[in-house]
Protein backbone atom coordinates (compact mmCIF):
# COMPACT_ATOMS: atom_id res chain seq x y z
CA MET A 1 -31.23 65.23 -20.44
CA VAL A 2 -31.33 67.59 -23.40
CA CYS A 3 -27.58 67.19 -23.85
CA ALA A 4 -27.94 63.43 -23.83
CA GLY A 5 -30.69 63.64 -26.46
CA LEU A 6 -28.62 65.99 -28.58
CA PHE A 7 -25.63 63.67 -28.28
CA VAL A 8 -27.78 60.72 -29.38
CA LEU A 9 -28.85 62.63 -32.49
CA VAL A 10 -25.49 64.20 -33.36
CA PHE A 11 -23.19 61.21 -32.73
CA PRO A 12 -24.66 58.98 -35.52
CA ALA A 13 -24.44 61.90 -37.93
CA LEU A 14 -20.77 62.42 -37.05
CA MET A 15 -20.12 58.69 -37.53
CA ILE A 16 -21.81 58.67 -40.93
CA PHE A 17 -19.91 61.75 -42.13
CA GLY A 18 -16.67 60.34 -40.76
CA ILE A 19 -17.21 57.12 -42.65
CA ILE A 20 -18.14 59.00 -45.81
CA ASP A 21 -15.01 61.14 -45.48
CA GLY A 22 -12.95 57.96 -45.10
CA ILE A 23 -14.50 56.52 -48.25
CA LYS A 24 -13.82 59.74 -50.14
CA ARG A 25 -10.18 59.68 -48.98
CA ASP A 26 -9.85 56.06 -50.16
CA GLU A 27 -11.34 56.97 -53.53
CA GLN A 28 -8.99 59.95 -53.86
CA GLU A 29 -5.97 57.79 -52.99
CA GLU A 30 -7.06 55.23 -55.58
CA ARG A 31 -7.42 57.95 -58.25
CA GLU A 32 -3.93 59.25 -57.39
CA ARG A 33 -2.49 55.73 -57.57
CA GLN A 34 -4.12 55.15 -60.96
CA ALA A 35 -2.76 58.48 -62.19
CA ARG A 36 0.77 57.50 -61.09
CA LEU A 37 0.45 54.16 -62.87
CA ALA A 38 -0.82 55.86 -66.03
CA SER A 39 2.14 58.23 -66.06
CA VAL A 40 4.71 55.40 -65.94
CA PRO A 41 5.82 54.54 -69.48
CA SER A 42 4.95 50.99 -70.43
CA ALA A 43 7.43 48.56 -71.89
CA ALA A 44 7.89 48.70 -75.62
CA PRO A 45 5.46 46.41 -77.42
CA THR A 46 7.02 43.13 -78.43
CA THR A 47 7.17 42.42 -82.11
CA ARG A 48 6.33 39.01 -83.41
CA THR A 49 7.52 37.96 -86.80
CA PRO A 50 5.64 34.80 -87.78
CA ILE A 51 7.45 32.01 -89.61
CA ASP A 52 5.54 30.10 -92.25
CA TRP A 53 6.74 26.50 -91.97
CA SER A 54 5.80 23.87 -94.52
CA TYR A 55 5.70 20.19 -93.64
CA GLU A 56 8.06 18.16 -95.82
CA GLY A 57 7.30 14.66 -94.51
CA ALA A 58 8.30 12.21 -91.80
CA VAL A 59 11.87 11.15 -91.07
CA CYS A 60 13.68 9.68 -88.08
CA ALA A 61 14.48 12.18 -85.35
CA ASP A 62 18.22 12.01 -86.11
CA GLY A 63 17.56 12.77 -89.79
CA THR A 64 17.84 9.19 -91.06
CA LEU A 65 15.43 8.29 -93.86
CA SER A 66 13.35 5.17 -93.24
CA PHE A 67 11.00 3.34 -95.52
CA SER A 68 9.27 1.84 -92.47
CA ILE A 69 7.71 5.08 -91.24
CA GLY A 70 4.10 4.37 -90.43
CA LYS A 71 4.88 0.92 -89.07
CA GLN A 72 5.44 -0.08 -85.46
CA GLY A 73 9.09 0.25 -84.41
CA ALA A 74 10.06 2.58 -87.25
CA CYS A 75 13.07 4.70 -86.27
CA SER A 76 13.23 3.03 -82.85
CA HIS A 77 17.04 3.17 -82.84
CA HIS A 78 17.14 6.67 -84.34
CA GLY A 79 15.16 8.68 -81.76
CA GLY A 80 11.67 7.93 -83.04
CA VAL A 81 9.67 9.45 -85.86
CA ALA A 82 9.75 13.22 -86.38
CA GLY A 83 8.69 15.67 -89.04
CA ARG A 84 10.86 17.66 -91.41
CA TRP A 85 9.82 21.31 -91.67
CA SER A 86 11.07 24.00 -94.09
CA ALA A 87 10.76 27.77 -93.79
CA ALA A 88 10.52 30.21 -96.69
CA ASP A 89 14.13 31.35 -96.11
CA GLY A 90 15.43 27.78 -96.60
CA THR A 91 15.81 26.90 -92.92
CA GLN A 92 15.06 23.24 -92.28
CA VAL A 93 14.37 21.61 -88.92
CA ILE A 94 13.42 18.16 -87.73
CA CYS A 95 10.90 18.25 -84.90
CA ARG A 96 8.82 15.73 -83.04
CA ASN A 97 6.39 18.56 -82.28
CA SER A 98 5.62 21.69 -84.26
CA PRO A 99 8.52 24.09 -84.90
CA PRO A 100 8.77 27.57 -83.30
CA ARG A 101 6.11 29.95 -84.59
CA THR A 102 8.00 33.25 -84.48
CA GLN A 103 11.46 34.48 -85.41
CA GLU A 104 11.87 35.79 -81.86
CA GLN A 105 11.43 32.26 -80.47
CA VAL A 106 14.06 30.99 -82.91
CA ASP A 107 16.47 33.78 -81.91
CA ARG A 108 16.02 33.02 -78.18
CA GLN A 109 16.59 29.30 -78.78
CA MET A 110 19.68 29.91 -80.89
CA ALA A 111 21.13 32.22 -78.22
CA ARG A 112 20.36 29.79 -75.41
CA PHE A 113 20.97 26.35 -76.99
CA GLY A 114 22.83 27.05 -80.23
CA ARG A 115 20.10 25.27 -82.19
CA ILE A 116 16.36 25.29 -82.81
CA VAL A 117 14.57 23.23 -80.18
CA CYS A 118 11.18 21.70 -81.01
């Protein structure tokens, strides 16, 4: 009977310490994983060179000038109305939406499509 009473008192203590040891092991493994991640060199930061575009006015999407811009049906046979944008270096684009914001976007588009896509 004494052994049974001792077992009843000792067993919960062993369970609690076993659980605590398991938690400590999990915490230690997490610290080691974080240390491994911290030691891995990160990718080089990407540079972003902004382009300052200035809006030059509306034209047809194919570059045709129209005196009807602002009226219904203007440029309907020329791809619709778009905007002409100029950069400080003299680059000009015609875009229905806003032009690319960084030089890196322009470089990727030129490599992929051979032109600036807006």
